[in-house]
Protein backbone atom coordinates (compact mmCIF):
# COMPACT_ATOMS: atom_id res chain seq x y z
CA MET A 1 18.06 46.60 17.85
CA PRO A 2 21.40 46.03 19.62
CA ILE A 3 24.41 45.63 17.40
CA ARG A 4 24.82 42.05 18.39
CA GLN A 5 21.57 41.10 16.60
CA MET A 6 22.59 42.80 13.52
CA LEU A 7 26.02 41.05 13.66
CA LYS A 8 24.17 37.77 14.18
CA ASP A 9 21.95 38.49 11.03
CA THR A 10 24.61 39.77 8.78
CA TYR A 11 27.97 38.77 9.67
CA ALA A 12 29.58 35.51 10.98
CA LEU A 13 32.25 36.51 13.48
CA ASP A 14 34.21 34.83 16.34
CA PRO A 15 33.04 35.85 19.92
CA ASP A 16 36.03 38.09 20.55
CA ARG A 17 35.17 40.16 17.41
CA VAL A 18 31.55 40.50 18.53
CA VAL A 19 32.77 41.89 21.80
CA GLN A 20 34.99 44.26 19.91
CA LEU A 21 32.51 45.60 17.53
CA THR A 22 29.95 45.97 20.39
CA ALA A 23 32.48 48.01 22.48
CA ALA A 24 33.06 50.19 19.37
CA PHE A 25 29.22 50.69 19.22
CA GLU A 26 28.79 51.47 22.96
CA ASP A 27 31.83 53.99 22.66
CA ALA A 28 30.24 55.69 19.56
CA LEU A 29 26.84 56.04 21.48
CA GLN A 30 28.52 57.49 24.57
CA LYS A 31 30.45 59.95 22.38
CA MET A 32 27.15 60.91 20.69
CA GLY A 33 25.36 61.28 23.92
CA SER A 34 22.92 58.75 22.97
CA VAL A 35 21.96 55.58 24.91
CA LYS A 36 18.84 54.71 23.02
CA ARG A 37 19.64 51.47 21.05
CA ASP A 38 16.67 51.73 18.82
CA ASP A 39 17.29 55.54 17.61
CA PRO A 40 17.82 55.73 13.84
CA ALA A 41 21.23 57.27 14.44
CA ALA A 42 22.21 54.29 16.61
CA LEU A 43 21.14 51.89 13.98
CA ALA A 44 23.20 53.79 11.39
CA VAL A 45 26.26 53.75 13.58
CA ALA A 46 25.95 49.99 13.95
CA ARG A 47 25.75 49.71 10.22
CA HIS A 48 28.81 51.74 9.64
CA ILE A 49 30.74 50.02 12.16
CA ILE A 50 29.93 46.66 10.60
CA GLU A 51 30.78 48.11 7.15
CA LEU A 52 34.13 49.35 8.38
CA ALA A 53 34.82 45.97 10.08
CA LYS A 54 34.04 44.34 6.66
CA GLN A 55 36.49 46.49 5.08
CA GLY A 56 39.25 45.26 7.56
CA GLU A 57 39.32 47.86 10.28
CA THR A 58 40.22 46.16 13.63
CA ASP A 59 40.93 48.97 15.98
CA THR A 60 37.98 49.74 18.25
CA ALA A 61 38.57 53.41 18.56
CA ARG A 62 38.86 53.79 14.79
CA LEU A 63 35.60 51.80 14.39
CA SER A 64 33.74 54.13 16.85
CA ASP A 65 35.23 57.25 15.33
CA GLY A 66 34.87 56.20 11.74
CA ALA A 67 31.16 55.35 12.17
CA ILE A 68 30.48 58.77 13.84
CA ALA A 69 32.32 60.47 11.00
CA ARG A 70 30.30 58.47 8.42
CA LEU A 71 27.18 59.37 10.23
CA ALA A 72 27.95 63.05 10.22
CA ALA A 73 29.00 62.90 6.57
CA SER A 74 25.77 61.04 5.44
CA GLY A 75 23.39 63.10 7.54
CA THR A 76 21.81 59.79 8.75
């Protein structure tokens, strides 16, 4: 499931913010060497990015890196 669908289902955002979170998601997947959007790790990264955004993070690189760090820490 692409992050855009998750955002639509869980989080009301302006279009620019959706673009930013999608960019963070794509960046994280690239850093992980993964391109499969339906992989459980990709879905976990998307959830982590959404959670970080809800906590107020606005920097695309910090969203990406933070999601990867959370994924590594959680083991999911």
